[in-house]
Amino acid sequence: MMTDIEIARAYQAKPIQEIAAKLGLGEQDLECYGKIKAKVLRKPTKERGKLVLVTAMNPTPLGEGKTTVSIGLIDALQSMGVKVAGALREPSLGPVFGVKGGATGGGKSQVVPMEEINLHFTGDLHAITAANNLLSAMLDNHIFQGNALKIDPTKILWRRAIDMNDRSLRTIVTGQGVGNGATLSAGFDITAASEVMAILCLSKDLEDLKQRLGNILVAYNFNGEPVTAKDLEAHEAMTILLKEAMNPNLVQTLEGAPVFIHGGPFANIAHGCNSIVATQVAMSLADITVTEAGFGADLGAEKFLDVKRRVAEVNPSVVVVVATVKALKYNGGVAKADVLLPNDEALIKGYQNLKKHIENVTNVYKLPCVVALNRYSTDTEEEYLLLKELCEKDGATLVRSTAWGDGGAGAVELAKAVLKHCEQPVAEPVYAYDLNDSIEQKLNDVCVKVYGAKGVALSPKAKREAEHIAKMGKDKLPVIIAKTQYSLSDNAALLGRPEGFTVKINEIKLNQGAGFIVAIAGDMMRMPGLGKTPAATKMTIDADGVINGLS
């Protein structure tokens, strides 16, 4: 069997100008990065096509193939004569060299050039890293040069960033040695968790980007007053670093469909959606845009529907929830080694996890739901029919996808189901919470309505932080909950559909520039570490520069 990278290399990519022309883009609209990728310079218009949001049940270590299904759906729609575009996230180098691997799909449903997209691409993540760390440098330098703003060194909030899994950088000390600046406690977050990443993805244009960067809360002074990036006069230079990165990237699927890949915040520790600019440009140019949100519907989709669409003023016509028989059995208590064996009892039990995600889409957000069963060769017809009956009882359409092995042809059934909903008027948006409610009430609404918890519990520290944010007048912002992706709860070990649990919030921080409040549940960390055998150890490169082991 060919590997993903071998399949991608066998594809003869078309010039990016040819792909752009499918969306009505000309040479003047492109800034080419080589022959098969480009930055798009066209601005979004108010006239927009329909939007399809792809999400999933809670992921497992087995992988559910959400991006593969998204790309298969794009190719299927194109094969049916639909003017379609994708709007997906950029991969982070951390997971690429860690455990998760890349984020360009798989099999015959991939975007290319997969190696370049998974590695440096057009340099967006490096620009975000540089802008983040320029602010750190200017903050430290301001203190070293006399500290005119009277910044309290014990009240510095801003952290450095690097696009790599490196647990050794979570907590560090800077400025040691004569002439090296003040000795300060500091640390790194992975770039995907940086507020600069969120700002780039939520900014509508360059001016909005600059304003949001200027609003970043970096520290407090000795009087307890906030100090921002604008106070440090860092926001203009940060914007300059991000000027090119603001333009969305255009690539292609193996079947030549146009896909925008731009921005890559993680959904478990950030908001998990690609950029507003890419989504709006795609919707301005295509009749249907397929986008995705990270991890399960409790994370990425919730943040898309409660945060991103409020800012972007877009609403999906339908939500696709990706599931696999393997994941359902795993959530039903079957060991990883046994998920390929028939087990209807575990399948029915594990279905409760999928059912909750369906209910979130249809009951909480009042949107149509299509379940895409990412089919494996080990699946049986009996399992499919059982799941179809269960989904239909819960108001969702179940269709099979074989996009990994068949490309767009394997997602035609899914495309037909999606098109039925896209033919209907777009519903008015319904949210899980009211922005005018208190921070604790908003968090409680998400935990109860979306996770199925009995409530939320704030630690004393989190309560103090919520009260402080309210005193600053910033408590009317949307909330982002950082929690494990493996469970509806804040405990990764609670699979299926847990009940009676309380979500414990240990910390609350204000991302003033991005325009949301982050609540950290459980022991979530914003800097991952590498596993015992990182994916990086399995990669090789030969004398001709050919890479192997990247997927």
Protein backbone atom coordinates (compact mmCIF):
# COMPACT_ATOMS: atom_id res chain seq x y z
CA MET A 1 0.00 0.00 0.00
CA MET A 2 1.31 3.45 -0.92
CA THR A 3 1.93 5.92 1.90
CA ASP A 4 0.29 9.34 1.96
CA ILE A 5 3.51 11.02 0.87
CA GLU A 6 3.96 8.57 -2.02
CA ILE A 7 0.38 9.20 -3.17
CA ALA A 8 0.96 12.96 -3.01
CA ARG A 9 4.20 12.70 -5.01
CA ALA A 10 2.50 10.66 -7.72
CA TYR A 11 0.07 13.54 -8.32
CA GLN A 12 0.98 16.04 -11.02
CA ALA A 13 0.06 19.32 -9.38
CA LYS A 14 -1.44 21.99 -11.60
CA PRO A 15 -0.06 25.54 -11.72
CA ILE A 16 -1.66 27.54 -8.93
CA GLN A 17 -2.92 30.09 -11.47
CA GLU A 18 -5.08 27.36 -13.01
CA ILE A 19 -6.55 26.48 -9.60
CA ALA A 20 -7.13 30.17 -8.80
CA ALA A 21 -8.97 30.65 -12.09
CA LYS A 22 -11.66 28.23 -10.90
CA LEU A 23 -12.59 30.90 -8.37
CA GLY A 24 -12.30 33.78 -10.80
CA LEU A 25 -8.90 34.90 -9.51
CA GLY A 26 -6.32 36.30 -11.93
CA GLU A 27 -2.59 36.98 -11.83
CA GLN A 28 -3.21 40.33 -10.15
CA ASP A 29 -4.87 38.54 -7.22
CA LEU A 30 -1.94 36.23 -6.48
CA GLU A 31 1.45 36.44 -4.86
CA CYS A 32 3.00 33.13 -5.89
CA TYR A 33 5.28 31.08 -3.65
CA GLY A 34 6.75 28.79 -6.28
CA LYS A 35 4.53 27.10 -8.86
CA ILE A 36 1.79 25.47 -6.78
CA LYS A 37 1.06 27.70 -3.82
CA ALA A 38 0.20 31.38 -3.49
CA LYS A 39 -0.99 34.13 -1.23
CA VAL A 40 -4.36 35.57 -2.30
CA LEU A 41 -4.60 39.36 -2.31
CA ARG A 42 -8.35 39.61 -3.04
CA LYS A 43 -10.45 41.08 -0.25
CA PRO A 44 -13.77 39.47 0.78
CA THR A 45 -17.06 40.94 -0.38
CA LYS A 46 -20.42 41.07 1.35
CA GLU A 47 -21.92 38.63 -1.17
CA ARG A 48 -21.11 35.14 0.03
CA GLY A 49 -21.96 31.55 -0.77
CA LYS A 50 -23.04 28.80 1.62
CA LEU A 51 -20.82 27.40 4.39
CA VAL A 52 -20.42 23.80 5.56
CA LEU A 53 -18.76 23.15 8.93
CA VAL A 54 -17.01 19.80 9.46
CA THR A 55 -16.42 18.61 13.01
CA ALA A 56 -16.25 15.21 14.75
CA MET A 57 -17.04 13.10 17.77
CA ASN A 58 -14.38 13.13 20.48
CA PRO A 59 -11.13 11.98 18.87
CA THR A 60 -9.22 8.88 19.91
CA PRO A 61 -5.55 7.82 19.53
CA LEU A 62 -6.71 5.92 16.43
CA GLY A 63 -7.52 9.09 14.47
CA GLU A 64 -10.93 9.76 12.94
CA GLY A 65 -9.92 11.41 9.63
CA LYS A 66 -11.83 14.69 9.87
CA THR A 67 -9.53 16.54 7.46
CA THR A 68 -9.53 13.61 5.03
CA VAL A 69 -13.34 13.63 4.98
CA SER A 70 -13.37 17.43 4.54
CA ILE A 71 -11.08 17.21 1.52
CA GLY A 72 -13.05 14.29 0.07
CA LEU A 73 -16.22 16.36 0.41
CA ILE A 74 -14.59 19.28 -1.41
CA ASP A 75 -13.53 17.00 -4.28
CA ALA A 76 -16.95 15.35 -4.44
CA LEU A 77 -18.73 18.71 -4.67
CA GLN A 78 -16.34 19.80 -7.43
CA SER A 79 -17.00 16.58 -9.37
CA MET A 80 -20.72 17.39 -9.22
CA GLY A 81 -20.17 20.76 -10.87
CA VAL A 82 -20.30 22.89 -7.71
CA LYS A 83 -18.07 25.95 -7.50
CA VAL A 84 -16.44 24.96 -4.21
CA ALA A 85 -13.51 25.98 -2.03
CA GLY A 86 -12.01 24.66 1.18
CA ALA A 87 -10.96 26.77 4.18
CA LEU A 88 -8.72 24.72 6.48
CA ARG A 89 -6.12 25.28 9.20
CA GLU A 90 -2.33 25.25 8.89
CA PRO A 91 -0.41 22.45 10.62
CA SER A 92 1.95 23.19 13.52
CA LEU A 93 5.50 21.85 13.48
CA GLY A 94 5.07 20.67 17.07
CA PRO A 95 2.57 17.86 16.30
CA VAL A 96 4.26 17.14 12.94
CA PHE A 97 7.47 16.19 14.74
CA GLY A 98 5.66 14.91 17.84
CA VAL A 99 2.87 12.34 17.73
CA LYS A 100 -0.12 13.62 15.76
CA GLY A 101 1.63 14.10 12.42
CA GLY A 102 0.59 16.52 9.70
CA ALA A 103 -2.78 18.00 8.83
CA THR A 104 -3.14 17.71 5.07
CA GLY A 105 -5.56 14.78 4.85
CA GLY A 106 -4.60 11.30 3.69
CA GLY A 107 -4.82 8.70 0.96
CA LYS A 108 -6.49 10.11 -2.14
CA SER A 109 -8.03 12.99 -0.19
CA GLN A 110 -5.08 15.28 0.41
CA VAL A 111 -3.98 18.84 -0.20
CA VAL A 112 -0.63 19.42 -1.86
CA PRO A 113 2.23 20.20 -1.58
CA MET A 114 1.80 18.18 1.63
CA GLU A 115 5.48 18.31 2.68
CA GLU A 116 5.71 22.08 2.33
CA ILE A 117 2.33 22.69 4.00
CA ASN A 118 3.33 20.49 6.96
CA LEU A 119 6.72 22.16 7.30
CA HIS A 120 7.45 25.85 6.60
CA PHE A 121 4.67 26.49 4.02
CA THR A 122 4.63 30.26 3.32
CA GLY A 123 6.17 31.21 6.67
CA ASP A 124 2.96 32.34 8.42
CA LEU A 125 3.66 30.51 11.68
CA HIS A 126 7.24 31.81 11.73
CA ALA A 127 5.90 35.36 11.31
CA ILE A 128 3.49 34.83 14.20
CA THR A 129 6.32 33.46 16.34
CA ALA A 130 8.50 36.47 15.47
CA ALA A 131 5.77 38.99 16.26
CA ASN A 132 5.03 37.27 19.58
CA ASN A 133 8.70 37.29 20.58
CA LEU A 134 9.30 40.85 19.39
CA LEU A 135 6.74 41.91 21.99
CA SER A 136 8.59 39.87 24.64
CA ALA A 137 11.88 41.49 23.67
CA MET A 138 10.43 44.99 23.77
CA LEU A 139 8.78 44.31 27.13
CA ASP A 140 12.01 43.08 28.70
CA ASN A 141 13.98 45.89 27.10
CA HIS A 142 11.59 48.51 28.45
CA ILE A 143 12.20 47.26 31.98
CA PHE A 144 15.98 47.15 31.37
CA GLN A 145 16.02 50.69 29.97
CA GLY A 146 14.52 52.30 33.05
CA ASN A 147 10.93 51.02 33.16
CA ALA A 148 9.13 54.31 32.43
CA LEU A 149 5.77 52.51 32.55
CA LYS A 150 6.54 51.22 36.06
CA ILE A 151 5.83 47.63 35.04
CA ASP A 152 5.72 45.25 37.99
CA PRO A 153 8.15 42.41 37.10
CA THR A 154 6.04 40.01 39.19
CA LYS A 155 2.91 40.85 37.16
CA ILE A 156 4.15 40.09 33.64
CA LEU A 157 1.54 38.09 31.71
CA TRP A 158 3.12 37.80 28.27
CA ARG A 159 4.97 34.61 27.34
CA ARG A 160 7.30 33.78 24.48
CA ALA A 161 6.34 31.33 21.72
CA ILE A 162 7.96 28.66 19.59
CA ASP A 163 6.36 26.36 17.02
CA MET A 164 7.69 23.19 18.60
CA ASN A 165 6.82 20.73 21.38
CA ASP A 166 9.40 21.49 24.07
CA ARG A 167 8.44 20.87 27.70
CA SER A 168 11.79 22.28 28.92
CA LEU A 169 10.64 25.77 27.90
CA ARG A 170 7.37 25.79 29.86
CA THR A 171 9.01 27.60 32.78
CA ILE A 172 12.34 29.41 32.44
CA VAL A 173 14.33 32.29 33.94
CA THR A 174 15.61 35.04 31.68
CA GLY A 175 18.17 37.82 32.14
CA GLN A 176 20.78 35.91 34.13
CA GLY A 177 24.25 37.42 34.14
CA VAL A 178 25.59 40.98 34.19
CA GLY A 179 24.23 43.17 31.38
CA ASN A 180 21.59 40.65 30.27
CA GLY A 181 18.58 42.53 31.59
CA ALA A 182 16.42 41.98 34.63
CA THR A 183 16.20 38.43 35.92
CA LEU A 184 12.60 37.41 35.31
CA SER A 185 10.48 34.29 35.52
CA ALA A 186 9.20 33.48 32.02
CA GLY A 187 8.14 30.65 29.73
CA PHE A 188 7.09 29.58 26.26
CA ASP A 189 3.76 28.56 24.74
CA ILE A 190 3.55 26.69 21.45
CA THR A 191 2.85 29.17 18.63
CA ALA A 192 -0.60 27.68 17.96
CA ALA A 193 -1.57 28.73 21.51
CA SER A 194 -0.18 32.26 21.20
CA GLU A 195 -2.64 35.11 21.41
CA VAL A 196 -1.00 36.48 18.25
CA MET A 197 -2.18 33.35 16.41
CA ALA A 198 -5.74 33.92 17.64
CA ILE A 199 -5.55 37.60 16.70
CA LEU A 200 -4.41 36.84 13.15
CA CYS A 201 -7.24 34.34 12.76
CA LEU A 202 -9.92 36.68 14.15
CA SER A 203 -8.83 39.91 12.43
CA LYS A 204 -10.89 41.13 9.48
CA ASP A 205 -8.16 43.25 7.88
CA LEU A 206 -4.77 44.87 8.53
CA GLU A 207 -6.21 47.78 10.52
CA ASP A 208 -8.23 45.40 12.70
CA LEU A 209 -5.07 43.32 13.18
CA LYS A 210 -3.09 46.34 14.35
CA GLN A 211 -5.79 47.43 16.78
CA ARG A 212 -6.07 43.94 18.27
CA LEU A 213 -2.28 43.63 18.61
CA GLY A 214 -2.19 46.99 20.38
CA ASN A 215 -4.83 45.77 22.85
CA ILE A 216 -2.77 42.78 24.01
CA LEU A 217 -2.51 42.86 27.80
CA VAL A 218 1.16 42.19 28.61
CA ALA A 219 1.50 43.14 32.30
CA TYR A 220 0.31 45.32 35.17
CA ASN A 221 2.20 48.24 36.66
CA PHE A 222 2.92 48.81 40.35
CA ASN A 223 -0.46 50.55 40.71
CA GLY A 224 -2.28 47.51 39.33
CA GLU A 225 -3.08 49.24 36.04
CA PRO A 226 -2.94 47.29 32.74
CA VAL A 227 -0.03 47.69 30.34
CA THR A 228 -0.64 46.87 26.68
CA ALA A 229 1.45 46.27 23.58
CA LYS A 230 0.37 49.72 22.39
CA ASP A 231 1.78 51.24 25.59
CA LEU A 232 5.10 49.63 24.66
CA GLU A 233 4.75 50.98 21.09
CA ALA A 234 5.21 47.43 19.79
CA HIS A 235 1.99 46.96 17.81
CA GLU A 236 3.08 48.77 14.63
CA ALA A 237 6.23 46.67 14.26
CA MET A 238 4.29 43.51 15.08
CA THR A 239 1.81 44.37 12.34
CA ILE A 240 4.66 44.88 9.88
CA LEU A 241 5.92 41.36 10.65
CA LEU A 242 2.43 39.98 10.03
CA LYS A 243 1.55 42.01 6.93
CA GLU A 244 2.21 39.16 4.47
CA ALA A 245 0.93 36.50 6.86
CA MET A 246 -2.51 38.17 6.86
CA ASN A 247 -3.09 37.13 3.24
CA PRO A 248 -4.63 33.64 2.99
CA ASN A 249 -2.75 30.80 1.28
CA LEU A 250 -4.18 28.95 -1.73
CA VAL A 251 -3.29 25.34 -2.58
CA GLN A 252 -5.07 22.40 -4.24
CA THR A 253 -6.42 18.94 -3.57
CA LEU A 254 -5.24 15.88 -5.47
CA GLU A 255 -8.27 16.40 -7.72
CA GLY A 256 -7.44 20.05 -8.36
CA ALA A 257 -10.00 21.73 -6.12
CA PRO A 258 -8.99 25.07 -4.54
CA VAL A 259 -8.33 25.10 -0.80
CA PHE A 260 -7.38 28.03 1.43
CA ILE A 261 -5.10 27.01 4.31
CA HIS A 262 -4.54 29.83 6.76
CA GLY A 263 -4.05 30.04 10.52
CA GLY A 264 -3.76 27.13 12.92
CA PRO A 265 -4.85 27.62 16.55
CA PHE A 266 -5.33 24.37 18.50
CA ALA A 267 -8.91 23.68 19.56
CA ASN A 268 -8.03 22.20 22.96
CA ILE A 269 -6.08 25.27 24.14
CA ALA A 270 -7.25 27.96 21.72
CA HIS A 271 -10.24 28.53 19.41
CA GLY A 272 -9.43 25.86 16.82
CA CYS A 273 -10.57 27.56 13.59
CA ASN A 274 -8.83 28.84 10.48
CA SER A 275 -8.74 32.58 9.77
CA ILE A 276 -11.81 34.72 9.26
CA VAL A 277 -10.13 36.30 6.23
CA ALA A 278 -9.66 32.93 4.50
CA THR A 279 -13.21 31.84 5.30
CA GLN A 280 -14.73 35.10 4.06
CA VAL A 281 -12.60 35.21 0.89
CA ALA A 282 -13.52 31.60 0.09
CA MET A 283 -17.22 32.33 0.65
CA SER A 284 -16.95 35.42 -1.55
CA LEU A 285 -15.55 33.37 -4.43
CA ALA A 286 -17.28 29.98 -4.13
CA ASP A 287 -20.89 28.86 -4.03
CA ILE A 288 -20.07 26.45 -1.19
CA THR A 289 -17.14 26.67 1.23
CA VAL A 290 -16.15 23.66 3.34
CA THR A 291 -14.38 24.53 6.58
CA GLU A 292 -13.49 22.50 9.66
CA ALA A 293 -12.98 23.05 13.37
CA GLY A 294 -10.44 21.18 15.47
CA PHE A 295 -11.09 18.03 17.51
CA GLY A 296 -14.67 17.18 18.56
CA ALA A 297 -17.81 19.29 18.36
CA ASP A 298 -17.41 20.10 22.07
CA LEU A 299 -14.19 22.00 21.29
CA GLY A 300 -13.64 23.36 17.78
CA ALA A 301 -17.27 23.46 16.68
CA GLU A 302 -18.43 25.07 19.93
CA LYS A 303 -15.76 27.75 19.52
CA PHE A 304 -16.60 28.24 15.86
CA LEU A 305 -20.30 28.62 16.65
CA ASP A 306 -19.96 30.70 19.83
CA VAL A 307 -16.88 32.79 18.99
CA LYS A 308 -15.78 32.82 15.34
CA ARG A 309 -19.19 33.24 13.73
CA ARG A 310 -19.99 36.15 16.08
CA VAL A 311 -16.96 38.00 14.73
CA ALA A 312 -17.07 36.77 11.13
CA GLU A 313 -20.84 37.13 10.78
CA VAL A 314 -21.16 33.79 9.00
CA ASN A 315 -23.37 30.80 9.74
CA PRO A 316 -23.12 27.26 8.36
CA SER A 317 -25.98 25.73 6.41
CA VAL A 318 -25.15 22.30 7.81
CA VAL A 319 -22.70 20.69 10.23
CA VAL A 320 -20.97 17.42 9.33
CA VAL A 321 -19.91 15.26 12.29
CA VAL A 322 -17.21 12.72 11.41
CA ALA A 323 -17.20 9.36 13.20
CA THR A 324 -15.63 5.92 12.82
CA VAL A 325 -16.74 2.50 13.96
CA LYS A 326 -13.37 2.13 15.69
CA ALA A 327 -13.84 5.33 17.68
CA LEU A 328 -17.35 4.34 18.70
CA LYS A 329 -16.16 0.98 20.02
CA TYR A 330 -13.25 2.68 21.80
CA ASN A 331 -15.70 5.06 23.48
CA GLY A 332 -17.77 2.00 24.35
CA GLY A 333 -14.93 0.64 26.46
CA VAL A 334 -13.10 -1.61 23.96
CA ALA A 335 -9.30 -1.66 24.19
CA LYS A 336 -7.39 -0.07 21.33
CA ALA A 337 -6.08 -3.48 20.21
CA ASP A 338 -9.60 -4.94 19.88
CA VAL A 339 -11.54 -2.19 18.09
CA LEU A 340 -11.49 -4.06 14.75
CA LEU A 341 -13.43 -6.99 16.21
CA PRO A 342 -17.25 -7.06 15.95
CA ASN A 343 -18.88 -5.78 19.15
CA ASP A 344 -22.39 -4.39 18.78
CA GLU A 345 -22.76 -3.84 22.52
CA ALA A 346 -19.72 -1.57 22.63
CA LEU A 347 -20.84 0.14 19.42
CA ILE A 348 -24.22 1.04 20.93
CA LYS A 349 -22.58 2.18 24.17
CA GLY A 350 -19.99 4.26 22.33
CA TYR A 351 -22.69 5.77 20.15
CA GLN A 352 -23.71 7.83 23.18
CA ASN A 353 -20.64 10.00 22.59
CA LEU A 354 -21.66 10.63 18.99
CA LYS A 355 -25.25 11.18 20.05
CA LYS A 356 -24.19 14.02 22.37
CA HIS A 357 -22.38 15.75 19.51
CA ILE A 358 -25.44 15.36 17.29
CA GLU A 359 -27.59 16.86 20.06
CA ASN A 360 -25.17 19.78 20.39
CA VAL A 361 -25.58 20.58 16.70
CA THR A 362 -29.34 20.08 16.46
CA ASN A 363 -30.59 21.04 19.95
CA VAL A 364 -28.08 23.60 21.24
CA TYR A 365 -27.23 25.40 17.97
CA LYS A 366 -30.39 24.47 16.01
CA LEU A 367 -28.49 23.44 12.87
CA PRO A 368 -28.96 20.47 10.52
CA CYS A 369 -26.56 17.57 11.14
CA VAL A 370 -25.08 15.00 8.77
CA VAL A 371 -22.94 12.21 10.26
CA ALA A 372 -20.10 11.10 7.99
CA LEU A 373 -18.98 7.58 8.85
CA ASN A 374 -15.34 7.44 7.74
CA ARG A 375 -15.38 3.85 6.55
CA TYR A 376 -12.63 1.29 7.06
CA SER A 377 -12.32 -2.08 5.32
CA THR A 378 -13.01 -3.82 8.65
CA ASP A 379 -16.45 -2.19 9.02
CA THR A 380 -19.43 -4.46 8.40
CA GLU A 381 -22.74 -3.77 6.73
CA GLU A 382 -24.52 -4.77 9.95
CA GLU A 383 -22.60 -2.13 11.90
CA TYR A 384 -23.51 0.52 9.34
CA LEU A 385 -27.20 -0.34 9.40
CA LEU A 386 -27.22 -0.30 13.20
CA LEU A 387 -25.64 3.16 13.29
CA LYS A 388 -27.91 4.46 10.54
CA GLU A 389 -30.96 3.48 12.58
CA LEU A 390 -29.55 5.12 15.73
CA CYS A 391 -28.67 8.36 13.93
CA GLU A 392 -32.03 8.66 12.21
CA LYS A 393 -33.80 8.30 15.56
CA ASP A 394 -31.77 11.30 16.77
CA GLY A 395 -32.57 13.47 13.77
CA ALA A 396 -29.30 13.10 11.86
CA THR A 397 -28.53 11.68 8.43
CA LEU A 398 -25.79 9.01 8.36
CA VAL A 399 -23.74 8.54 5.20
CA ARG A 400 -20.55 6.58 4.55
CA SER A 401 -17.34 8.11 3.23
CA THR A 402 -14.52 6.19 1.56
CA ALA A 403 -12.61 9.36 0.63
CA TRP A 404 -9.26 8.00 1.85
CA GLY A 405 -9.25 5.20 -0.71
CA ASP A 406 -11.52 6.65 -3.41
CA GLY A 407 -10.99 10.42 -3.24
CA GLY A 408 -13.97 12.55 -4.21
CA ALA A 409 -15.84 9.56 -5.62
CA GLY A 410 -15.94 8.12 -2.10
CA ALA A 411 -17.70 11.21 -0.70
CA VAL A 412 -20.43 11.75 -3.31
CA GLU A 413 -23.13 10.37 -0.99
CA LEU A 414 -21.96 12.83 1.67
CA ALA A 415 -21.92 15.68 -0.85
CA LYS A 416 -25.52 14.94 -1.89
CA ALA A 417 -26.67 15.00 1.74
CA VAL A 418 -24.86 18.31 2.29
CA LEU A 419 -26.28 19.88 -0.86
CA LYS A 420 -29.85 19.22 0.30
CA HIS A 421 -29.27 21.42 3.33
CA CYS A 422 -27.35 24.08 1.35
CA GLU A 423 -30.45 24.51 -0.83
CA GLN A 424 -32.39 25.72 2.22
CA PRO A 425 -32.24 29.25 3.71
CA VAL A 426 -29.53 29.70 6.33
CA ALA A 427 -30.93 29.64 9.86
CA GLU A 428 -30.58 32.55 12.27
CA PRO A 429 -27.63 31.88 14.62
CA VAL A 430 -28.36 30.43 18.05
CA TYR A 431 -25.61 30.50 20.68
CA ALA A 432 -24.89 28.47 23.81
CA TYR A 433 -24.67 31.58 25.99
CA ASP A 434 -25.46 35.29 26.14
CA LEU A 435 -22.44 37.61 26.01
CA ASN A 436 -24.05 39.84 28.64
CA ASP A 437 -24.02 37.10 31.27
CA SER A 438 -21.23 36.80 33.84
CA ILE A 439 -18.07 34.87 33.02
CA GLU A 440 -19.07 32.06 35.38
CA GLN A 441 -22.56 31.84 33.86
CA LYS A 442 -21.16 31.64 30.32
CA LEU A 443 -18.75 28.90 31.36
CA ASN A 444 -21.56 27.07 33.11
CA ASP A 445 -23.75 27.26 30.00
CA VAL A 446 -21.04 25.69 27.82
CA CYS A 447 -20.28 22.98 30.38
CA VAL A 448 -23.93 22.06 30.97
CA LYS A 449 -25.35 22.46 27.46
CA VAL A 450 -22.39 21.32 25.34
CA TYR A 451 -20.38 18.98 27.58
CA GLY A 452 -23.31 17.52 29.50
CA ALA A 453 -21.83 18.45 32.88
CA LYS A 454 -23.89 19.15 35.97
CA GLY A 455 -22.06 22.46 36.35
CA VAL A 456 -18.78 24.35 36.52
CA ALA A 457 -16.57 24.99 39.56
CA LEU A 458 -14.07 27.85 39.65
CA SER A 459 -11.01 27.57 41.85
CA PRO A 460 -10.43 30.48 44.28
CA LYS A 461 -7.73 31.75 41.90
CA ALA A 462 -10.07 31.55 38.91
CA LYS A 463 -12.81 33.37 40.85
CA ARG A 464 -10.43 36.21 41.71
CA GLU A 465 -9.35 36.44 38.07
CA ALA A 466 -12.96 36.48 36.84
CA GLU A 467 -13.82 39.24 39.32
CA HIS A 468 -10.80 41.26 38.21
CA ILE A 469 -11.77 40.94 34.53
CA ALA A 470 -15.29 42.09 35.42
CA LYS A 471 -13.90 45.15 37.24
CA MET A 472 -11.92 45.97 34.08
CA GLY A 473 -15.21 45.92 32.14
CA LYS A 474 -14.07 43.04 29.91
CA ASP A 475 -16.45 40.35 31.17
CA LYS A 476 -18.84 40.65 28.19
CA LEU A 477 -16.40 38.92 25.85
CA PRO A 478 -16.95 35.33 24.64
CA VAL A 479 -15.24 32.49 26.51
CA ILE A 480 -12.79 29.83 25.36
CA ILE A 481 -12.46 26.72 27.51
CA ALA A 482 -9.11 24.93 27.28
CA LYS A 483 -9.68 21.26 28.09
CA THR A 484 -8.80 17.75 27.00
CA GLN A 485 -9.98 16.75 23.54
CA TYR A 486 -10.44 13.08 24.44
CA SER A 487 -13.52 13.46 26.61
CA LEU A 488 -16.66 15.56 26.85
CA SER A 489 -15.49 16.21 30.41
CA ASP A 490 -12.23 17.73 31.69
CA ASN A 491 -10.93 14.23 32.47
CA ALA A 492 -9.40 12.41 29.48
CA ALA A 493 -10.17 9.02 31.05
CA LEU A 494 -13.96 9.59 31.00
CA LEU A 495 -14.89 8.25 27.58
CA GLY A 496 -18.33 7.82 26.00
CA ARG A 497 -20.94 10.14 27.44
CA PRO A 498 -20.05 10.80 31.08
CA GLU A 499 -22.69 12.17 33.43
CA GLY A 500 -22.74 13.86 36.82
CA PHE A 501 -19.32 15.47 36.43
CA THR A 502 -18.31 19.03 37.27
CA VAL A 503 -15.83 20.92 35.09
CA LYS A 504 -13.12 22.43 37.27
CA ILE A 505 -11.66 25.73 36.08
CA ASN A 506 -8.23 26.37 37.59
CA GLU A 507 -7.29 29.60 35.87
CA ILE A 508 -8.91 32.39 33.86
CA LYS A 509 -6.97 34.80 31.68
CA LEU A 510 -7.96 37.73 29.52
CA ASN A 511 -6.88 37.65 25.87
CA GLN A 512 -7.83 41.26 25.37
CA GLY A 513 -6.31 41.56 21.92
CA ALA A 514 -7.99 38.45 20.54
CA GLY A 515 -11.22 39.49 22.21
CA PHE A 516 -12.01 36.48 24.37
CA ILE A 517 -11.56 35.08 27.86
CA VAL A 518 -9.65 31.80 28.30
CA ALA A 519 -10.67 29.40 31.07
CA ILE A 520 -8.25 26.56 31.70
CA ALA A 521 -9.89 23.32 32.83
CA GLY A 522 -8.00 20.50 34.48
CA ASP A 523 -4.24 20.39 33.92
CA MET A 524 -4.19 21.63 30.32
CA MET A 525 -0.79 22.99 29.26
CA ARG A 526 -0.11 25.49 26.48
CA MET A 527 3.24 23.90 25.64
CA PRO A 528 3.10 20.19 24.68
CA GLY A 529 6.04 17.83 25.14
CA LEU A 530 7.46 15.16 22.85
CA GLY A 531 6.65 11.51 23.40
CA LYS A 532 9.16 8.73 24.09
CA THR A 533 9.51 8.07 20.36
CA PRO A 534 8.78 11.35 18.52
CA ALA A 535 7.65 11.25 14.91
CA ALA A 536 10.83 13.19 14.12
CA THR A 537 12.89 10.04 14.79
CA LYS A 538 11.04 8.21 12.00
CA MET A 539 11.76 10.80 9.30
CA THR A 540 14.62 10.55 6.81
CA ILE A 541 15.93 12.65 3.94
CA ASP A 542 18.15 11.36 1.14
CA ALA A 543 20.92 13.05 -0.85
CA ASP A 544 18.38 14.38 -3.36
CA GLY A 545 16.32 16.02 -0.63
CA VAL A 546 13.50 13.47 -0.74
CA ILE A 547 11.72 13.25 2.63
CA ASN A 548 10.30 10.00 3.97
CA GLY A 549 8.28 9.29 7.11
CA LEU A 550 6.30 12.55 7.04
CA SER A 551 2.54 12.05 7.20
